[in-house]
Amino acid sequence: MPTATSDAGGPPYDVVCLSCSCWDVLATCDDYPALDEKRPLEGMSEQGGGQAATAAAAVARLGGRAAFVGRVGDDAAGSRIRESLEQAGVDISWGLATVAGARSQWAFCVAERASGRRAILWRPATTGELDAKQIDRERLLQTRVLLIDGHRPAASLAAARWAHGASIPVVADLERPVAHLDELLRLASYPILPEALALELTDAHDWEQAGARLAGRTDGTLVLTLGARGSAAFPRARPCYQRAFEIPVVDTTGAGDVYHGAFALAVARGEGLAPAMRYASAAAALSCRALGGRAGLPTDAEVGELLARGEPG
């Protein structure tokens, strides 16, 4: 398990996360209805969401020092997003801008109790693109690791270039085709893609073939997330595989975001590839024990307890 990071002589942040934040409304149902059918909803909850924002909350919950950079509207959802990050212990004092008259991103997520899978309907924000000129570059680089996602590709690319030039590791959460994808893949120290996107980008037959093909397009180490089957990295010709931890699943919303945040924190703490993947896998599994991406965020001690059981490897 990663050990606590010393503050002595180091930057003020372990991980700075840039890009997507959201306000999530969540519920569960026994099974999904077909079109024109009805089902009762249970377990309603509202909480913060979004890829980079949830990753930042996960870092803070795990004992790391996190900051978030992004944009929200001046609506109720924007206020709740800000409050949820502050309550999680994430520094938003210099990086989270509020855009007057704009609407924040909002999502409705329904988890199927029978399978633990979920469906998400979302309403995009109207806050406009995050302009790199509006980012405090000096503060952004006061970190051990930078985490970006693809929702603000131009700003993510600029931040990745700055971090790359400053020899700061970049973890890139790339879940879908976006502008500048090839350069983001190349610049990232750890581009992390879901299996479905890897297959789409390479027209490969399976994740191993897709990973081998994509590994040649990055100067870093490619990581693929495989859902319930775990994750795999491609530091060499043969992949490094990490099985998923098996715990009772309530909802998988945000599990990938937690994986990315925990992985980035492990890198910030000096862990190697395999231990970072194992730590991230355990954190992601524990996050699935509650409804929503934030309600089940684990502490470092809880991750340590799961890792101490010895499985999986």
Protein backbone atom coordinates (compact mmCIF):
# COMPACT_ATOMS: atom_id res chain seq x y z
CA MET A 1 0.00 0.00 0.00
CA PRO A 2 1.32 3.48 -0.81
CA THR A 3 2.70 5.35 2.15
CA ALA A 4 1.90 8.94 3.05
CA THR A 5 3.71 11.60 1.07
CA SER A 6 6.10 13.85 2.93
CA ASP A 7 5.49 17.58 2.67
CA ALA A 8 9.16 18.39 3.24
CA GLY A 9 10.58 20.15 0.22
CA GLY A 10 7.81 18.93 -2.08
CA PRO A 11 5.02 20.63 -4.03
CA PRO A 12 1.80 21.54 -2.21
CA TYR A 13 -0.33 19.03 -4.16
CA ASP A 14 -0.07 15.33 -4.81
CA VAL A 15 -2.52 15.49 -7.72
CA VAL A 16 -4.06 18.40 -9.61
CA CYS A 17 -7.13 17.29 -11.59
CA LEU A 18 -8.39 19.27 -14.58
CA SER A 19 -11.59 19.26 -16.59
CA CYS A 20 -14.98 17.68 -15.92
CA SER A 21 -17.30 18.27 -12.96
CA CYS A 22 -20.97 17.38 -12.72
CA TRP A 23 -23.94 17.19 -10.36
CA ASP A 24 -25.44 13.69 -10.26
CA VAL A 25 -28.95 12.59 -9.36
CA LEU A 26 -28.96 8.83 -8.76
CA ALA A 27 -31.43 6.05 -8.08
CA THR A 28 -31.73 2.26 -8.22
CA CYS A 29 -34.30 -0.07 -9.76
CA ASP A 30 -34.68 -3.84 -9.74
CA ASP A 31 -34.23 -4.11 -13.51
CA TYR A 32 -34.36 -1.69 -16.41
CA PRO A 33 -37.68 -1.20 -18.16
CA ALA A 34 -38.05 -1.50 -21.90
CA LEU A 35 -39.40 1.49 -23.82
CA ASP A 36 -43.01 2.24 -22.85
CA GLU A 37 -42.62 0.25 -19.60
CA LYS A 38 -42.45 1.59 -16.04
CA ARG A 39 -40.40 0.69 -12.97
CA PRO A 40 -40.35 2.16 -9.45
CA LEU A 41 -37.14 3.90 -8.36
CA GLU A 42 -35.53 3.51 -4.95
CA GLY A 43 -32.54 4.88 -3.06
CA MET A 44 -32.56 8.37 -4.52
CA SER A 45 -29.36 10.35 -3.93
CA GLU A 46 -27.72 13.57 -5.13
CA GLN A 47 -23.95 14.08 -5.07
CA GLY A 48 -21.01 15.47 -6.97
CA GLY A 49 -19.79 13.68 -10.08
CA GLY A 50 -17.69 14.13 -13.20
CA GLN A 51 -14.48 12.38 -14.20
CA ALA A 52 -11.71 14.68 -12.97
CA ALA A 53 -13.77 16.06 -10.08
CA THR A 54 -14.52 12.59 -8.69
CA ALA A 55 -10.88 11.62 -9.17
CA ALA A 56 -9.90 14.67 -7.09
CA ALA A 57 -12.40 13.74 -4.36
CA ALA A 58 -10.99 10.20 -4.34
CA VAL A 59 -7.44 11.51 -3.94
CA ALA A 60 -8.50 13.64 -0.97
CA ARG A 61 -10.45 10.80 0.66
CA LEU A 62 -7.39 8.57 0.31
CA GLY A 63 -5.30 11.10 2.23
CA GLY A 64 -3.73 12.92 -0.70
CA ARG A 65 -3.62 16.65 -1.36
CA ALA A 66 -5.79 17.47 -4.36
CA ALA A 67 -6.80 20.54 -6.34
CA PHE A 68 -9.38 20.84 -9.10
CA VAL A 69 -9.39 23.06 -12.20
CA GLY A 70 -12.57 23.56 -14.24
CA ARG A 71 -15.71 25.63 -14.82
CA VAL A 72 -19.24 25.60 -13.43
CA GLY A 73 -22.28 27.78 -13.97
CA ASP A 74 -23.78 30.13 -11.41
CA ASP A 75 -26.81 27.83 -11.07
CA ALA A 76 -27.82 25.59 -8.15
CA ALA A 77 -25.90 22.64 -9.58
CA GLY A 78 -22.75 24.75 -9.80
CA SER A 79 -23.05 25.77 -6.16
CA ARG A 80 -23.52 22.14 -5.14
CA ILE A 81 -20.52 21.04 -7.20
CA ARG A 82 -18.33 23.62 -5.47
CA GLU A 83 -19.64 22.69 -2.02
CA SER A 84 -19.17 18.97 -2.61
CA LEU A 85 -15.54 19.42 -3.62
CA GLU A 86 -14.81 21.70 -0.67
CA GLN A 87 -16.43 19.22 1.72
CA ALA A 88 -14.30 16.45 0.20
CA GLY A 89 -11.16 18.43 1.03
CA VAL A 90 -10.29 19.41 -2.55
CA ASP A 91 -8.71 22.85 -3.10
CA ILE A 92 -10.87 24.81 -5.57
CA SER A 93 -9.70 28.26 -4.44
CA TRP A 94 -7.74 29.09 -7.58
CA GLY A 95 -8.84 26.60 -10.24
CA LEU A 96 -12.64 26.39 -10.30
CA ALA A 97 -14.23 29.30 -12.15
CA THR A 98 -17.93 30.23 -12.01
CA VAL A 99 -19.40 31.44 -15.31
CA ALA A 100 -22.26 33.94 -14.96
CA GLY A 101 -25.49 32.95 -16.69
CA ALA A 102 -24.21 29.46 -17.54
CA ARG A 103 -25.61 26.02 -16.76
CA SER A 104 -23.48 23.39 -15.04
CA GLN A 105 -23.28 19.80 -16.23
CA TRP A 106 -25.97 17.56 -14.74
CA ALA A 107 -26.60 13.81 -14.96
CA PHE A 108 -29.28 11.29 -14.02
CA CYS A 109 -27.91 7.83 -13.24
CA VAL A 110 -29.94 4.67 -12.64
CA ALA A 111 -28.27 1.56 -11.23
CA GLU A 112 -29.83 -1.84 -11.87
CA ARG A 113 -29.89 -3.76 -8.59
CA ALA A 114 -29.77 -7.17 -10.26
CA SER A 115 -26.48 -6.53 -12.06
CA GLY A 116 -24.90 -3.43 -10.48
CA ARG A 117 -24.65 -1.87 -13.94
CA ARG A 118 -25.94 1.62 -14.61
CA ALA A 119 -27.31 3.88 -17.31
CA ILE A 120 -26.54 7.60 -17.43
CA LEU A 121 -28.48 10.42 -19.06
CA TRP A 122 -26.66 13.74 -18.96
CA ARG A 123 -27.16 17.39 -19.84
CA PRO A 124 -24.01 19.17 -21.03
CA ALA A 125 -22.83 22.38 -19.44
CA THR A 126 -23.07 25.72 -21.22
CA THR A 127 -19.98 27.16 -19.52
CA GLY A 128 -17.93 27.18 -22.72
CA GLU A 129 -14.45 25.85 -23.23
CA LEU A 130 -11.82 26.16 -20.54
CA ASP A 131 -9.29 28.58 -22.01
CA ALA A 132 -5.69 27.72 -21.23
CA LYS A 133 -5.02 31.44 -20.77
CA GLN A 134 -7.40 31.38 -17.79
CA ILE A 135 -5.48 28.62 -16.00
CA ASP A 136 -2.96 29.55 -13.34
CA ARG A 137 -0.05 27.70 -14.92
CA GLU A 138 2.32 28.28 -12.02
CA ARG A 139 -0.06 26.77 -9.49
CA LEU A 140 -1.09 23.95 -11.80
CA LEU A 141 2.54 22.81 -11.96
CA GLN A 142 2.92 22.77 -8.17
CA THR A 143 2.02 19.10 -8.07
CA ARG A 144 3.56 15.66 -8.18
CA VAL A 145 1.06 14.41 -10.78
CA LEU A 146 -1.38 16.06 -13.20
CA LEU A 147 -4.65 14.26 -14.02
CA ILE A 148 -6.68 15.34 -17.05
CA ASP A 149 -9.80 14.06 -18.80
CA GLY A 150 -11.09 14.56 -22.33
CA HIS A 151 -14.05 16.83 -21.62
CA ARG A 152 -11.92 19.96 -22.10
CA PRO A 153 -9.47 18.68 -24.72
CA ALA A 154 -7.81 22.00 -25.62
CA ALA A 155 -7.15 22.93 -21.99
CA SER A 156 -6.13 19.35 -21.18
CA LEU A 157 -3.64 19.41 -24.05
CA ALA A 158 -2.13 22.72 -22.91
CA ALA A 159 -1.84 21.47 -19.32
CA ALA A 160 -0.31 18.18 -20.49
CA ARG A 161 2.29 20.08 -22.51
CA TRP A 162 3.20 22.23 -19.49
CA ALA A 163 3.48 19.21 -17.21
CA HIS A 164 5.45 17.25 -19.79
CA GLY A 165 7.89 20.12 -20.12
CA ALA A 166 8.27 20.26 -16.33
CA SER A 167 8.81 16.47 -16.07
CA ILE A 168 5.56 16.05 -14.09
CA PRO A 169 3.80 12.72 -14.74
CA VAL A 170 0.46 13.06 -16.55
CA VAL A 171 -2.42 10.62 -16.02
CA ALA A 172 -4.95 11.02 -18.86
CA ASP A 173 -8.49 9.70 -18.46
CA LEU A 174 -9.58 9.27 -22.08
CA GLU A 175 -12.99 7.59 -22.25
CA ARG A 176 -14.10 8.60 -25.76
CA PRO A 177 -12.73 10.01 -29.04
CA VAL A 178 -11.93 13.69 -28.54
CA ALA A 179 -10.03 16.44 -30.29
CA HIS A 180 -6.24 16.19 -29.93
CA LEU A 181 -6.53 12.52 -28.91
CA ASP A 182 -3.35 11.46 -30.67
CA GLU A 183 -1.26 14.14 -28.98
CA LEU A 184 -2.86 13.48 -25.59
CA LEU A 185 -1.98 9.81 -26.02
CA ARG A 186 1.59 10.69 -26.91
CA LEU A 187 2.16 13.22 -24.12
CA ALA A 188 0.55 11.32 -21.25
CA SER A 189 2.80 9.36 -18.94
CA TYR A 190 -0.16 7.06 -18.27
CA PRO A 191 -2.98 7.32 -20.82
CA ILE A 192 -5.87 5.27 -19.36
CA LEU A 193 -8.55 4.12 -21.79
CA PRO A 194 -11.59 1.84 -21.41
CA GLU A 195 -11.52 -1.37 -23.39
CA ALA A 196 -14.36 -0.24 -25.67
CA LEU A 197 -12.48 2.86 -26.84
CA ALA A 198 -9.27 0.88 -27.40
CA LEU A 199 -11.16 -1.57 -29.60
CA GLU A 200 -12.84 1.28 -31.48
CA LEU A 201 -9.57 3.09 -32.16
CA THR A 202 -7.69 0.02 -33.40
CA ASP A 203 -10.36 -2.24 -34.91
CA ALA A 204 -8.70 -5.03 -32.92
CA HIS A 205 -10.26 -8.39 -32.03
CA ASP A 206 -9.53 -8.23 -28.29
CA TRP A 207 -8.07 -5.95 -25.61
CA GLU A 208 -4.58 -7.47 -25.79
CA GLN A 209 -4.32 -6.79 -29.51
CA ALA A 210 -5.82 -3.32 -29.06
CA GLY A 211 -3.42 -2.49 -26.24
CA ALA A 212 -0.39 -3.68 -28.19
CA ARG A 213 -1.36 -1.47 -31.12
CA LEU A 214 -2.10 1.61 -29.01
CA ALA A 215 1.05 1.23 -26.91
CA GLY A 216 3.08 2.31 -29.91
CA ARG A 217 1.19 5.61 -30.06
CA THR A 218 2.29 6.87 -26.64
CA ASP A 219 5.64 7.80 -25.13
CA GLY A 220 4.27 6.68 -21.77
CA THR A 221 2.68 3.49 -20.44
CA LEU A 222 -0.77 2.66 -21.75
CA VAL A 223 -3.37 1.34 -19.28
CA LEU A 224 -6.67 -0.25 -20.28
CA THR A 225 -9.58 -0.61 -17.87
CA LEU A 226 -11.58 -3.80 -18.42
CA GLY A 227 -14.52 -3.33 -16.07
CA ALA A 228 -15.23 -6.34 -13.88
CA ARG A 229 -12.24 -8.16 -15.41
CA GLY A 230 -9.71 -5.66 -14.04
CA SER A 231 -7.10 -3.60 -15.88
CA ALA A 232 -3.99 -4.09 -17.98
CA ALA A 233 -0.90 -2.01 -18.73
CA PHE A 234 1.52 -2.23 -21.62
CA PRO A 235 4.97 -1.18 -20.44
CA ARG A 236 6.61 -3.81 -22.64
CA ALA A 237 5.62 -6.32 -25.30
CA ARG A 238 3.71 -8.39 -22.74
CA PRO A 239 0.87 -6.76 -20.79
CA CYS A 240 0.84 -6.34 -17.02
CA TYR A 241 -2.56 -7.60 -15.85
CA GLN A 242 -4.45 -6.77 -12.65
CA ARG A 243 -7.61 -8.67 -11.76
CA ALA A 244 -10.53 -6.78 -10.23
CA PHE A 245 -11.30 -7.17 -6.54
CA GLU A 246 -14.63 -8.88 -5.93
CA ILE A 247 -16.94 -7.18 -3.42
CA PRO A 248 -20.74 -6.83 -3.38
CA VAL A 249 -21.65 -4.20 -5.98
CA VAL A 250 -24.38 -1.63 -5.46
CA ASP A 251 -23.44 0.77 -8.26
CA THR A 252 -20.46 1.11 -10.60
CA THR A 253 -20.98 4.83 -11.25
CA GLY A 254 -17.66 6.65 -10.86
CA ALA A 255 -15.58 3.49 -10.36
CA GLY A 256 -13.37 4.36 -13.30
CA ASP A 257 -12.89 7.90 -12.02
CA VAL A 258 -11.86 6.53 -8.61
CA TYR A 259 -9.42 4.16 -10.33
CA HIS A 260 -7.79 7.09 -12.12
CA GLY A 261 -7.54 9.20 -8.98
CA ALA A 262 -6.14 6.37 -6.86
CA PHE A 263 -3.68 5.43 -9.60
CA ALA A 264 -2.48 9.05 -9.85
CA LEU A 265 -2.05 9.25 -6.08
CA ALA A 266 -0.05 6.02 -6.02
CA VAL A 267 2.23 7.44 -8.73
CA ALA A 268 2.57 10.66 -6.71
CA ARG A 269 3.64 8.56 -3.73
CA GLY A 270 6.39 6.89 -5.76
CA GLU A 271 4.75 3.52 -6.39
CA GLY A 272 5.69 1.41 -9.39
CA LEU A 273 3.25 0.40 -12.12
CA ALA A 274 2.00 -2.91 -10.70
CA PRO A 275 1.47 -1.62 -7.12
CA ALA A 276 -0.29 1.49 -8.48
CA MET A 277 -2.66 -0.66 -10.53
CA ARG A 278 -3.39 -2.90 -7.55
CA TYR A 279 -4.05 0.08 -5.26
CA ALA A 280 -6.31 1.70 -7.87
CA SER A 281 -8.20 -1.55 -8.46
CA ALA A 282 -8.90 -1.96 -4.74
CA ALA A 283 -10.06 1.66 -4.39
CA ALA A 284 -12.34 1.36 -7.41
CA ALA A 285 -13.88 -1.86 -6.12
CA LEU A 286 -14.65 -0.33 -2.73
CA SER A 287 -16.28 2.68 -4.38
CA CYS A 288 -18.94 0.36 -5.85
CA ARG A 289 -20.37 -0.49 -2.42
CA ALA A 290 -22.71 2.53 -2.37
CA LEU A 291 -24.93 4.42 -4.77
CA GLY A 292 -23.07 7.08 -6.75
CA GLY A 293 -19.46 7.92 -7.43
CA ARG A 294 -18.77 9.69 -4.14
CA ALA A 295 -20.79 7.93 -1.40
CA GLY A 296 -18.53 4.87 -1.34
CA LEU A 297 -15.14 6.58 -1.63
CA PRO A 298 -12.69 4.57 0.48
CA THR A 299 -10.07 5.75 2.91
CA ASP A 300 -6.44 4.71 2.61
CA ALA A 301 -6.92 2.40 5.61
CA GLU A 302 -9.88 0.66 3.95
CA VAL A 303 -7.87 0.09 0.79
CA GLY A 304 -5.04 -1.26 2.91
CA GLU A 305 -7.38 -3.73 4.60
CA LEU A 306 -8.58 -5.03 1.23
CA LEU A 307 -5.04 -5.29 -0.11
CA ALA A 308 -3.95 -7.17 3.01
CA ARG A 309 -6.24 -10.04 2.06
CA GLY A 310 -3.75 -10.90 -0.65
CA GLU A 311 -6.08 -11.27 -3.61
CA PRO A 312 -6.37 -10.67 -6.43
CA GLY A 313 -3.00 -10.31 -8.14
